Structures are given as C-alpha cells and as structure tokens.
Protein backbone atom coordinates (compact mmCIF):
# COMPACT_ATOMS: atom_id res chain seq x y z
CA MET A 1 -18.36 21.76 7.97
CA LYS A 2 -15.98 19.02 6.85
CA LYS A 3 -14.04 19.73 3.67
CA ARG A 4 -14.35 17.34 0.75
CA VAL A 5 -11.08 15.65 -0.21
CA VAL A 6 -10.18 14.51 -3.72
CA VAL A 7 -7.35 12.56 -5.33
CA THR A 8 -5.45 14.45 -8.02
CA GLY A 9 -2.11 12.65 -8.41
CA LEU A 10 -0.84 9.06 -8.36
CA GLY A 11 2.71 7.72 -8.10
CA ALA A 12 3.50 4.01 -8.08
CA ILE A 13 6.68 1.95 -7.93
CA THR A 14 5.78 -1.73 -7.92
CA PRO A 15 7.01 -5.20 -8.91
CA ILE A 16 4.67 -5.11 -11.93
CA GLY A 17 5.51 -1.64 -13.19
CA THR A 18 6.61 1.90 -12.40
CA GLY A 19 4.22 4.79 -12.88
CA LYS A 20 0.45 4.68 -12.59
CA ASP A 21 -0.22 3.74 -16.23
CA GLU A 22 2.21 0.82 -16.37
CA PHE A 23 1.01 -0.38 -12.96
CA TRP A 24 -2.67 -0.18 -13.93
CA GLN A 25 -2.26 -1.90 -17.29
CA ALA A 26 -0.30 -4.72 -15.63
CA LEU A 27 -3.07 -5.17 -13.05
CA LEU A 28 -5.74 -5.40 -15.71
CA ALA A 29 -3.62 -7.87 -17.67
CA GLY A 30 -3.19 -10.09 -14.61
CA LYS A 31 0.60 -9.81 -14.77
CA SER A 32 2.62 -11.39 -11.97
CA GLY A 33 5.63 -9.53 -10.62
CA ILE A 34 6.84 -12.46 -8.52
CA GLY A 35 10.13 -14.15 -9.34
CA SER A 36 13.17 -15.74 -7.76
CA ILE A 37 15.03 -13.43 -5.35
CA THR A 38 17.99 -11.69 -7.00
CA ARG A 39 18.88 -9.03 -4.43
CA PHE A 40 20.89 -11.55 -2.39
CA ASP A 41 21.73 -15.24 -2.39
CA ALA A 42 18.59 -16.90 -1.05
CA SER A 43 19.59 -20.46 -1.91
CA GLU A 44 19.50 -21.59 1.74
CA TYR A 45 16.15 -19.95 2.56
CA ARG A 46 12.79 -21.74 2.87
CA THR A 47 11.28 -19.02 0.70
CA ARG A 48 13.27 -17.97 -2.35
CA VAL A 49 10.72 -15.84 -4.21
CA ALA A 50 9.63 -12.21 -3.90
CA GLY A 51 8.16 -9.29 -5.80
CA GLU A 52 11.22 -7.20 -6.60
CA VAL A 53 11.13 -3.79 -8.27
CA LYS A 54 13.05 -4.16 -11.50
CA ASP A 55 15.29 -1.58 -13.16
CA PHE A 56 14.73 1.20 -10.60
CA GLU A 57 17.22 4.01 -11.25
CA PRO A 58 17.03 6.56 -8.43
CA GLU A 59 19.05 9.13 -10.40
CA LYS A 60 16.05 9.58 -12.71
CA TYR A 61 14.19 11.16 -9.83
CA ILE A 62 16.77 12.26 -7.26
CA ASP A 63 20.12 14.05 -7.38
CA LYS A 64 22.83 11.38 -7.48
CA LYS A 65 24.63 12.69 -4.39
CA GLU A 66 21.41 12.90 -2.39
CA ALA A 67 20.32 9.44 -3.52
CA LYS A 68 23.48 7.92 -2.04
CA ARG A 69 22.44 9.31 1.34
CA MET A 70 19.06 7.59 1.23
CA ASP A 71 18.06 4.02 1.91
CA ARG A 72 16.23 2.30 -0.94
CA CYS A 73 12.88 2.71 0.84
CA THR A 74 13.41 6.50 1.03
CA GLN A 75 14.45 6.61 -2.62
CA PHE A 76 11.18 4.87 -3.50
CA ALA A 77 9.20 7.43 -1.49
CA VAL A 78 10.83 10.49 -3.06
CA ALA A 79 10.56 9.02 -6.57
CA ALA A 80 6.89 8.04 -6.18
CA THR A 81 6.11 11.51 -4.81
CA ARG A 82 7.76 13.13 -7.82
CA MET A 83 5.61 10.96 -10.11
CA ALA A 84 2.49 11.87 -8.14
CA PHE A 85 3.17 15.62 -8.30
CA GLU A 86 3.88 15.41 -12.03
CA ASP A 87 0.65 13.47 -12.51
CA SER A 88 -1.28 16.06 -10.51
CA GLY A 89 -0.04 18.97 -12.61
CA MET A 90 0.53 21.00 -9.44
CA ASP A 91 3.10 23.78 -9.82
CA LEU A 92 4.81 23.93 -6.44
CA GLU A 93 6.10 27.41 -7.22
CA GLN A 94 2.52 28.67 -7.45
CA VAL A 95 1.10 27.21 -4.23
CA ASP A 96 1.55 27.93 -0.53
CA ARG A 97 3.83 25.10 0.56
CA SER A 98 3.20 25.87 4.23
CA ARG A 99 -0.28 24.52 3.51
CA ILE A 100 0.99 21.30 1.87
CA GLY A 101 2.11 18.46 4.12
CA LEU A 102 2.70 14.76 3.98
CA VAL A 103 2.11 11.49 5.75
CA ILE A 104 4.39 8.78 4.40
CA GLY A 105 4.91 5.57 6.33
CA THR A 106 6.97 2.42 6.20
CA GLY A 107 6.58 -0.85 8.02
CA ILE A 108 10.27 -1.53 8.54
CA GLY A 109 12.34 1.45 7.41
CA GLY A 110 15.92 1.33 6.19
CA ILE A 111 16.68 -2.33 6.75
CA ASP A 112 19.20 -2.51 3.88
CA THR A 113 21.19 0.23 5.58
CA LEU A 114 20.89 -1.47 8.96
CA HIS A 115 22.15 -4.76 7.51
CA ASP A 116 25.07 -3.14 5.67
CA GLN A 117 26.20 -1.04 8.62
CA TYR A 118 26.02 -3.93 11.10
CA LYS A 119 28.20 -5.93 8.75
CA THR A 120 30.65 -3.02 8.63
CA LEU A 121 30.62 -2.78 12.43
CA PHE A 122 31.38 -6.48 12.92
CA ASP A 123 33.91 -6.73 10.08
CA LYS A 124 35.74 -3.41 10.40
CA GLY A 125 34.86 -1.87 13.76
CA PRO A 126 32.93 1.17 14.96
CA GLY A 127 35.25 3.68 13.34
CA ARG A 128 34.06 2.67 9.89
CA ILE A 129 30.34 3.27 10.47
CA SER A 130 28.86 5.86 8.13
CA PRO A 131 27.75 9.21 9.61
CA PHE A 132 24.63 8.75 7.49
CA PHE A 133 23.78 5.41 9.12
CA VAL A 134 21.11 6.68 11.51
CA PRO A 135 19.45 9.23 9.18
CA MET A 136 19.34 6.61 6.42
CA MET A 137 17.87 3.92 8.66
CA ILE A 138 15.17 5.58 10.76
CA ALA A 139 11.62 5.03 9.60
CA ASN A 140 10.53 8.67 9.50
CA MET A 141 13.21 9.63 7.00
CA ALA A 142 11.05 8.65 4.01
CA ALA A 143 8.69 11.44 5.09
CA GLY A 144 11.51 13.76 6.18
CA GLN A 145 13.53 13.47 2.98
CA THR A 146 10.41 13.84 0.86
CA SER A 147 9.36 17.04 2.63
CA ILE A 148 12.88 18.41 2.13
CA ALA A 149 13.01 17.40 -1.54
CA PHE A 150 9.78 19.26 -2.36
CA GLY A 151 9.89 22.03 0.26
CA LEU A 152 6.66 20.92 1.91
CA GLN A 153 6.23 22.81 5.19
CA GLY A 154 2.74 21.75 6.23
CA PRO A 155 1.76 18.96 8.63
CA SER A 156 4.37 16.21 8.31
CA THR A 157 4.51 12.85 10.01
CA CYS A 158 5.29 9.16 9.60
CA VAL A 159 3.01 6.19 10.24
CA VAL A 160 4.39 2.79 11.27
CA THR A 161 1.56 0.28 11.65
CA ALA A 162 3.04 -2.74 9.87
CA CYS A 163 0.88 -3.82 6.90
CA ALA A 164 -1.75 -1.16 7.68
CA THR A 165 0.79 1.66 7.28
CA GLY A 166 -0.05 2.91 3.79
CA THR A 167 -3.78 2.96 4.43
CA ASN A 168 -3.37 4.68 7.79
CA ALA A 169 -1.14 7.29 6.14
CA ILE A 170 -3.74 8.11 3.49
CA GLY A 171 -6.56 8.10 6.03
CA ASP A 172 -4.67 10.38 8.41
CA ALA A 173 -3.80 12.78 5.56
CA PHE A 174 -7.46 12.79 4.49
CA LYS A 175 -8.49 13.85 8.00
CA ILE A 176 -5.83 16.61 8.12
CA ILE A 177 -7.31 18.20 4.99
CA GLN A 178 -10.89 17.51 6.04
CA ARG A 179 -10.46 19.50 9.25
CA GLY A 180 -8.79 22.40 7.41
CA ASP A 181 -5.18 22.03 8.59
CA ALA A 182 -3.79 21.73 5.05
CA ASP A 183 -4.87 22.41 1.47
CA ALA A 184 -3.06 19.38 0.04
CA MET A 185 -1.20 16.35 1.34
CA VAL A 186 1.21 13.77 -0.02
CA ALA A 187 0.25 10.39 1.43
CA GLY A 188 1.16 6.75 1.13
CA GLY A 189 3.67 4.07 2.02
CA THR A 190 7.08 2.80 1.00
CA GLU A 191 9.03 -0.38 1.65
CA ALA A 192 12.31 -1.96 0.56
CA CYS A 193 12.41 -5.08 2.68
CA ILE A 194 13.81 -7.80 0.41
CA SER A 195 16.95 -8.15 2.50
CA PRO A 196 18.60 -11.18 4.10
CA ALA A 197 17.42 -10.40 7.63
CA ALA A 198 13.82 -9.51 6.80
CA VAL A 199 13.29 -12.53 4.56
CA ALA A 200 14.94 -14.80 7.17
CA GLY A 201 12.66 -13.38 9.84
CA PHE A 202 9.48 -14.07 7.93
CA CYS A 203 10.81 -17.51 6.96
CA ALA A 204 11.33 -18.27 10.64
CA MET A 205 7.68 -17.40 11.26
CA LYS A 206 6.67 -19.77 8.42
CA ALA A 207 4.44 -16.99 7.12
CA MET A 208 5.58 -16.98 3.50
CA SER A 209 4.86 -19.22 0.53
CA THR A 210 7.41 -21.92 -0.27
CA ARG A 211 6.19 -22.43 -3.83
CA ASN A 212 9.73 -21.72 -5.04
CA ASP A 213 9.49 -23.69 -8.28
CA GLU A 214 6.53 -21.66 -9.53
CA PRO A 215 7.19 -18.07 -8.42
CA ALA A 216 4.46 -16.49 -10.53
CA LYS A 217 1.89 -18.79 -8.87
CA ALA A 218 3.13 -18.42 -5.30
CA SER A 219 0.74 -15.66 -4.25
CA ARG A 220 -2.81 -17.02 -4.48
CA PRO A 221 -5.20 -15.14 -2.17
CA PHE A 222 -8.49 -16.83 -1.25
CA GLU A 223 -7.49 -19.97 -3.16
CA LYS A 224 -7.55 -23.43 -1.61
CA GLU A 225 -3.84 -24.16 -2.11
CA ARG A 226 -2.55 -20.86 -0.67
CA ASP A 227 0.40 -21.44 1.64
CA GLY A 228 1.58 -18.00 2.72
CA PHE A 229 2.28 -14.50 1.50
CA VAL A 230 4.98 -13.36 -0.91
CA MET A 231 7.08 -10.35 0.06
CA GLY A 232 7.12 -7.37 -2.29
CA GLU A 233 8.71 -3.92 -2.36
CA GLY A 234 7.94 -0.49 -3.76
CA ALA A 235 5.93 2.63 -2.97
CA GLY A 236 2.46 4.03 -3.54
CA VAL A 237 1.86 7.76 -3.09
CA VAL A 238 -1.23 9.87 -3.77
CA ILE A 239 -1.79 13.63 -3.86
CA LEU A 240 -4.87 14.61 -1.87
CA GLU A 241 -6.38 18.08 -2.05
CA SER A 242 -9.36 19.87 -0.64
CA LEU A 243 -11.98 20.14 -3.34
CA GLU A 244 -11.71 23.94 -3.29
CA HIS A 245 -7.94 23.84 -3.81
CA ALA A 246 -8.21 21.33 -6.65
CA LEU A 247 -10.97 23.26 -8.43
CA ALA A 248 -9.17 26.59 -8.03
CA ARG A 249 -6.20 25.32 -10.03
CA GLY A 250 -8.25 23.33 -12.53
CA ALA A 251 -6.91 19.95 -11.42
CA HIS A 252 -7.95 16.63 -12.90
CA ILE A 253 -9.86 14.77 -10.18
CA TYR A 254 -9.66 10.97 -10.16
CA ALA A 255 -12.01 10.28 -7.28
CA GLU A 256 -13.02 11.40 -3.80
CA ILE A 257 -11.77 10.02 -0.50
CA ALA A 258 -14.89 10.03 1.65
CA GLY A 259 -14.35 7.72 4.62
CA TYR A 260 -11.72 6.30 6.96
CA GLY A 261 -11.82 3.78 9.75
CA PHE A 262 -9.11 2.29 11.93
CA ASN A 263 -9.09 0.21 15.08
CA ALA A 264 -7.30 -2.68 16.79
CA ASP A 265 -7.93 -6.39 17.22
CA ALA A 266 -6.24 -6.30 20.65
CA TYR A 267 -5.78 -10.02 20.23
CA HIS A 268 -2.34 -11.26 19.07
CA ILE A 269 0.96 -9.88 17.79
CA THR A 270 0.68 -11.58 14.39
CA ALA A 271 -2.58 -13.55 14.09
CA PRO A 272 -5.85 -11.85 13.12
CA ALA A 273 -8.69 -12.03 15.60
CA PRO A 274 -11.06 -14.96 14.99
CA GLU A 275 -14.14 -14.30 12.84
CA GLY A 276 -12.73 -10.91 11.75
CA VAL A 277 -14.92 -9.03 14.22
CA GLN A 278 -12.76 -5.91 14.49
CA ALA A 279 -11.99 -5.93 10.77
CA ALA A 280 -15.74 -5.79 10.12
CA LYS A 281 -16.08 -2.88 12.55
CA CYS A 282 -13.20 -1.10 10.82
CA MET A 283 -14.95 -1.32 7.44
CA GLN A 284 -18.17 -0.19 9.08
CA MET A 285 -16.39 2.85 10.53
CA ALA A 286 -15.13 3.93 7.11
CA ILE A 287 -18.57 3.51 5.52
CA LYS A 288 -20.28 5.44 8.33
CA ASP A 289 -17.64 8.17 8.15
CA ALA A 290 -18.57 8.65 4.48
CA GLY A 291 -22.26 8.94 5.36
CA LEU A 292 -23.06 5.75 3.47
CA VAL A 293 -24.41 2.29 4.26
CA PRO A 294 -22.84 -1.11 3.48
CA ASN A 295 -25.10 -1.73 0.48
CA ASP A 296 -23.59 1.33 -1.22
CA VAL A 297 -20.24 -0.44 -1.61
CA SER A 298 -19.64 -2.21 -4.93
CA TYR A 299 -15.97 -3.28 -4.74
CA ILE A 300 -13.57 -4.27 -1.96
CA ASN A 301 -9.85 -4.13 -2.60
CA ALA A 302 -9.05 -6.81 -0.05
CA HIS A 303 -6.05 -7.12 2.21
CA GLY A 304 -5.96 -10.66 0.80
CA THR A 305 -2.47 -11.75 1.77
CA SER A 306 -2.64 -15.41 0.62
CA THR A 307 -2.16 -16.71 4.16
CA PRO A 308 -4.79 -19.23 5.33
CA PRO A 309 -5.93 -17.30 8.45
CA ASN A 310 -6.05 -13.80 6.90
CA ASP A 311 -8.10 -14.72 3.85
CA LYS A 312 -10.57 -16.72 5.90
CA ASN A 313 -11.04 -14.03 8.54
CA GLU A 314 -11.34 -11.21 5.98
CA THR A 315 -14.02 -13.19 4.16
CA LEU A 316 -15.87 -13.75 7.46
CA ALA A 317 -15.59 -10.04 8.24
CA ILE A 318 -17.07 -9.10 4.87
CA LYS A 319 -19.95 -11.57 5.26
CA SER A 320 -20.59 -10.38 8.82
CA LEU A 321 -20.86 -6.72 7.84
CA PHE A 322 -22.50 -6.94 4.43
CA GLY A 323 -24.85 -9.89 4.94
CA GLU A 324 -26.53 -10.91 1.69
CA HIS A 325 -24.94 -7.93 -0.09
CA ALA A 326 -21.56 -9.66 0.36
CA TYR A 327 -22.54 -11.95 -2.52
CA LYS A 328 -23.21 -8.97 -4.80
CA LEU A 329 -19.80 -7.41 -4.13
CA THR A 330 -16.66 -7.96 -6.12
CA VAL A 331 -13.63 -8.66 -3.91
CA SER A 332 -10.10 -8.94 -5.26
CA SER A 333 -6.53 -8.93 -4.03
CA ILE A 334 -3.82 -7.34 -6.16
CA LYS A 335 -1.27 -9.02 -3.88
CA SER A 336 -1.77 -12.01 -6.16
CA MET A 337 0.26 -10.00 -8.68
CA THR A 338 2.45 -7.61 -6.67
CA GLY A 339 3.10 -9.69 -3.58
CA HIS A 340 2.70 -8.04 -0.18
CA LEU A 341 4.48 -4.69 -0.01
CA LEU A 342 4.04 -4.53 3.80
CA GLY A 343 4.05 -0.81 4.71
CA ALA A 344 3.61 0.19 1.05
CA ALA A 345 0.73 -2.23 0.37
CA GLY A 346 -1.99 0.24 1.35
CA GLY A 347 -0.45 2.89 -0.90
CA ILE A 348 -0.50 0.89 -4.11
CA GLU A 349 -3.85 -0.67 -3.22
CA ALA A 350 -5.35 2.80 -2.71
CA ILE A 351 -4.12 3.70 -6.19
CA ALA A 352 -5.71 0.54 -7.59
CA SER A 353 -8.98 1.40 -5.82
CA VAL A 354 -8.96 4.98 -7.12
CA LEU A 355 -8.35 3.77 -10.68
CA SER A 356 -11.10 1.16 -10.32
CA VAL A 357 -13.56 3.89 -9.38
CA ALA A 358 -12.29 6.22 -12.11
CA ASN A 359 -12.33 3.60 -14.89
CA ASP A 360 -15.12 1.22 -13.81
CA MET A 361 -12.73 -1.73 -13.93
CA VAL A 362 -11.88 -4.24 -11.23
CA PRO A 363 -8.46 -5.93 -11.23
CA PRO A 364 -8.46 -9.71 -10.81
CA THR A 365 -7.22 -12.11 -8.18
CA ILE A 366 -4.86 -14.24 -10.26
CA ASN A 367 -3.79 -17.83 -9.51
CA TYR A 368 -7.34 -18.62 -8.45
CA GLU A 369 -7.52 -22.25 -9.61
CA ASN A 370 -9.14 -24.27 -6.83
CA PRO A 371 -11.93 -22.63 -4.81
CA ASP A 372 -11.83 -23.02 -1.05
CA ASP A 373 -15.19 -24.31 0.17
CA GLU A 374 -15.03 -21.97 3.18
CA LEU A 375 -14.45 -18.89 1.01
CA ASP A 376 -17.44 -18.34 -1.23
CA LEU A 377 -17.43 -14.69 -2.34
CA ASP A 378 -16.78 -13.31 -5.83
CA TYR A 379 -13.00 -12.89 -5.83
CA VAL A 380 -12.82 -11.82 -9.51
CA PRO A 381 -10.83 -14.89 -10.51
CA ASN A 382 -7.99 -14.51 -13.00
CA GLU A 383 -9.44 -11.88 -15.33
CA ALA A 384 -10.19 -8.19 -14.84
CA ARG A 385 -13.84 -7.24 -14.96
CA GLN A 386 -15.64 -4.21 -16.30
CA GLN A 387 -18.32 -3.00 -13.90
CA VAL A 388 -19.62 0.27 -12.56
CA VAL A 389 -17.69 1.06 -9.37
CA GLU A 390 -19.41 3.90 -7.55
CA VAL A 391 -17.89 3.11 -4.16
CA ALA A 392 -14.84 1.04 -3.26
CA ILE A 393 -13.17 0.30 0.05
CA SER A 394 -9.56 -0.75 0.54
CA ASN A 395 -8.58 -2.85 3.55
CA SER A 396 -5.23 -3.23 5.29
CA PHE A 397 -4.66 -5.34 8.41
CA GLY A 398 -1.25 -5.36 10.11
CA PHE A 399 0.79 -7.21 12.71
CA GLY A 400 -0.05 -5.97 16.18
CA GLY A 401 -3.74 -6.05 15.31
CA HIS A 402 -3.80 -2.77 13.36
CA ASN A 403 -6.81 -2.47 11.03
CA ALA A 404 -7.38 0.33 8.51
CA THR A 405 -9.93 0.97 5.77
CA ILE A 406 -10.42 3.88 3.39
CA LEU A 407 -13.49 4.52 1.25
CA VAL A 408 -13.16 5.90 -2.28
CA LYS A 409 -16.14 7.07 -4.33
CA LYS A 410 -16.77 8.67 -7.71
CA TYR A 411 -16.32 12.42 -7.72
CA ARG A 412 -19.58 14.22 -8.30
CA PRO A 413 -19.49 18.06 -8.46
C-alpha cells in the first residue's frame, strides 16, 4: 500500500521576501520583486531587469568559512533547508537520519563560480584557479552540501531538468517516501543565475522582457502585452514526511502531496509543443496518480512565464484537459511577482500552492491590464482571492521539453 505523504516545513528565499511568511504576505499583496539589475553592470544588455534576492546574508544560516566554499546557489539551498527544518519543528537529534534524504535540484548550478574562475584563468593563468572551483560549480553540490550540513544519510540526489527542476525534485522525493524508502525528505530547487553570462545567453535568445523602464511591470503572464520572461533567483525547499512519521512526532501538517506526473514534449530544445498536448497529459498523470478526476481541481499554479508561446500553450493544455471545468478554475502565475527562478521556480511555486490549499487563498497574476483574446481563463488578475482550495496543481515546463506537475490537496485525517 502506498504511504501518504504530507508537507510539514517550508523554506523560501525569493525576490519578494525571505521566509515563508514574508513570501506569502508579499504574494497576497501583489508585490513585485523585479527591479534593475544590480549584481553586475547590465547597461549594454537588451534586458536590464531581474528579480534579485535582496539583503541575503549567508552567515545567518551557514558557518562563515563554509559559506565561502559554496556558490550562491548552494548557499540558498542550505539556508532554505534550515528555514524549512525550523518551520517543521523536527529535532534532527531525535530522528533516524539514515531515513531522511533529499532531492534538491538546480537548472544551471554554480554559474557565478564558473564566471569568476574563468576570468581568473584568462587573467592570471591556471595556477591561480581555486581548489574549490569544481566542488563549488557542479550542479549536485546544492544537494551534497545540504546533506552534509544536516547529516542526512537517506536517499540523496540532484535533479537538473531546466525550469521543471524544482517540481521534479519534489515529485521524485514524494515517490521515494510513498514507496517506503525514506521517512522524510528535503525537496526543492535553487538558482543563482543573475550573472553576466546567463543573462547574456537569454538575451541572445530574445526570450526575456525588454521592458527596462518599468521593471515592476515587466513580467506579465497571460497578458496581451507580454514580451518575455524576467529572470529571478532564490530557493524553495519543503519538508515532506510520511503521514505516520509526521503524526508520531506531532508535526503541524500544511497539506498532502497526492499526485505527480512528468513527461516530455519530444519536440524542440526551447519551444513548447504546439497545443500543449504533452503538458495536458502531464497534468492528467498527476491527477490520476492522486486517484482524482480533473473536475476535482480548483486552482492551478501555472508555469505562466510571460512568454507569448508558453502562456498560450499552457492555456490550450488546460482547456484541452479540463473542458468546461477550465472556466471554473482559478489559474495564476506568481512569476508575475517573483520573475522566473528557473530551477528554483517549482520549489517556490510548490510552497505557494501548499499555502493556497492551507489558507484558502489564491495569489494573483499582477500586471494583468489588457486581456489577450486568445487567453480566456480566470487568471486571478491583480488581486489575491479568497476561495476554498481543496485541490491545487502546480505546473513546471522546462527547456528540452521537460514537463512536471504535482498535485496538492487538503490534509484530511
């Protein structure tokens, strides 16, 4: 028999706030975290705006010496995990850490470190490269350093599926607990990609918004004037536990993870498949996995990147799967406020979905000023909405055609 899996801890580092409470209140207030890039001189770039994490001090969460040996994306992961454990109330000295694992992913990895060390190589030669270069750069080190920091000896791995990473990580961790291979898992995504090379790369693809004079209005999912996504950074980490483990220690339970689906478009390296056919199947897989039907879903936390093709195809996918029920759903994209955190997007969006289910509140899609005639669903424009949310799904669709969906529902004993 499959084990039930519940969410007991949340840790968020985002452009609109650090910690679950600050993050959630900012979402409900419709706060934008998008501003002009400050991490480097972007004056010559087509896109000069991003969702930067402000005032992050790694020493608050990590030993100063250890922090210096971590890329920013790894620092985010360790810090968000510490927040999530504190939120969960789990005493790691009182649990079997060989039965606690983690799945933490990143879309890019330590690109700041890569950039800095290449500059050192070209300017000063190979003898000046840091011995920590490789272990700071490689994508799995967010998971590796986190397992070391908390002594977690259970199943441990790293997911790299571009923008689907965070959702795949949580879904994979859910399945590990469900089949009995762990009692609890740390799961989510991290990204620190606002670097000269990464921004230049996305600029070259002409994938990002160029609304540089109005940063707070640059990310506008599902809206007629959308012109590309806005890059963001941060981390979203959840603590998942088997229901038995959570109940045995008297944990506060936010919600239940009940379904997971993932598949591939097998179509194009960056463009979504036309009509959103595989995205629809991915959502259907998650709903079926939970033993539910499409009409049971009340809220969709959309991938909603603010690019013309993605928003159109996701809307088509929703209409294809849900039929007339699509017009009874609420659909919103928090990327309108946070920007697109790439590998971390699914992590913070899972947290938003869990809190929506727990609090019966749906965050808005801000900057929704001019409806697109082709996109006619209820995108919760500009203001948060109070509604009963029994079941929510969270979508993430990544470069390479990776699709992932998790289903969150209210916990019922």
